[in-house]
Amino acid sequence: MSSKPDGVDGVDEVLAAVNALWGRRLRLLYRFPTGAEGVYAVEDDAEGERYALRYWLGAAHLEAVFAEIYQRLDRIRVRGVPVPRSIAGHVGPAYVELAEWMDGAPPRETDDQLIDSVLAVLRSMRHAAVGDGAAWGPWLLSSIADEARDFFRPAKLRTAGGEGAAILSAAQGIMRRFAPGDLMAEDIVHGDFGLANVLARAGAIVAVVDWSGCRDGSGCFDVTALWWGLAGAGADPAALARVRRALDSWPPAARATCAAHYAAREAASALGTDRQDTVIARAWSELSVADRLSSAGSRQRRR
């Protein structure tokens, strides 16, 4: 865990506003080393309880976005998905989420029991969408357009040129083989799933965290993310095979488009790192699978 931040990112101001408006006595303990928006451990001196705090500065539109997210989380929580409870709202300069503290840590071992438990969590999110599933296709097909700026910036690959740009073009080519109607999906998607966002204790999953990317969609997306995360962590081949079998149960259209998204997304994240060559090779391998699957999907649609 990183040391206490110096407040230049605005967390001190946010905490002061939360304490004033919500009647808390929160104090900052530390910032977690991961989390795109930043996750902070805080403690309420009035009650002696810890919480996980996140905030987004100047994000007035997030009220409606998070209202939908929390509606989805309520649905999967009753199905047994271990989602921390939270309170949220606009406070001073930011939209703030204060989540219950979960006593656990990302698992270090990927044994059969853990993989089965993670896959069971993802299965519990099937057929739980709030909407009719029509919004997923347009989002996924456009998620790796050059100008997209959601979970990552595909333009990084284009700017990098060489194999980076070639991977982006190949992934976009896969996406162009499908129409939004081919990708109707009524599951709930985490959006950034992986063992880094799973907390376990004594070998059992106690929480899945960081739901800010949650949406209606295809559960294949999260299983694809899990496979990439395990592959990047050097997981045992048996664990990868178990997740691959789960992936192969999905229809070709879902499988191919999710593979294309993650091939581009992971390649972009690896640019300029010591992982670049390995990830680029893995991305090409997954794109070859997506190419085969998208051809199969095209044949099915013509029947």
Foldseek 3Di string as FASTA:
>chain_A
DDAADPCPVPPVVQVVQCCVPVVFQKDWGHWDPDDPQTWTWIATPVVGFIWIKGKDFPPVVVVVVVVQLVVLVVQLVVLPAQAWDWDWDDTPGITMIITGDDPFAQDPALDPLLLVQVVVSLVSQAQRAPDFQLVALVCLLCCLPQPHDDPHHLVLLVVVDDLSVVLSVLLNVLSVLDDSVVFRGFGKEQQQDESRQFTDDPSHTNHGDDSSVIHGGHSLLNLLNHLVRCVVVVHDVVSNVVSVVVNVVDQLSSSLSSLSSVLNVQLSVCPPHPCNVVSSVVSVVSSVVSVVSSVVVSVVVVD
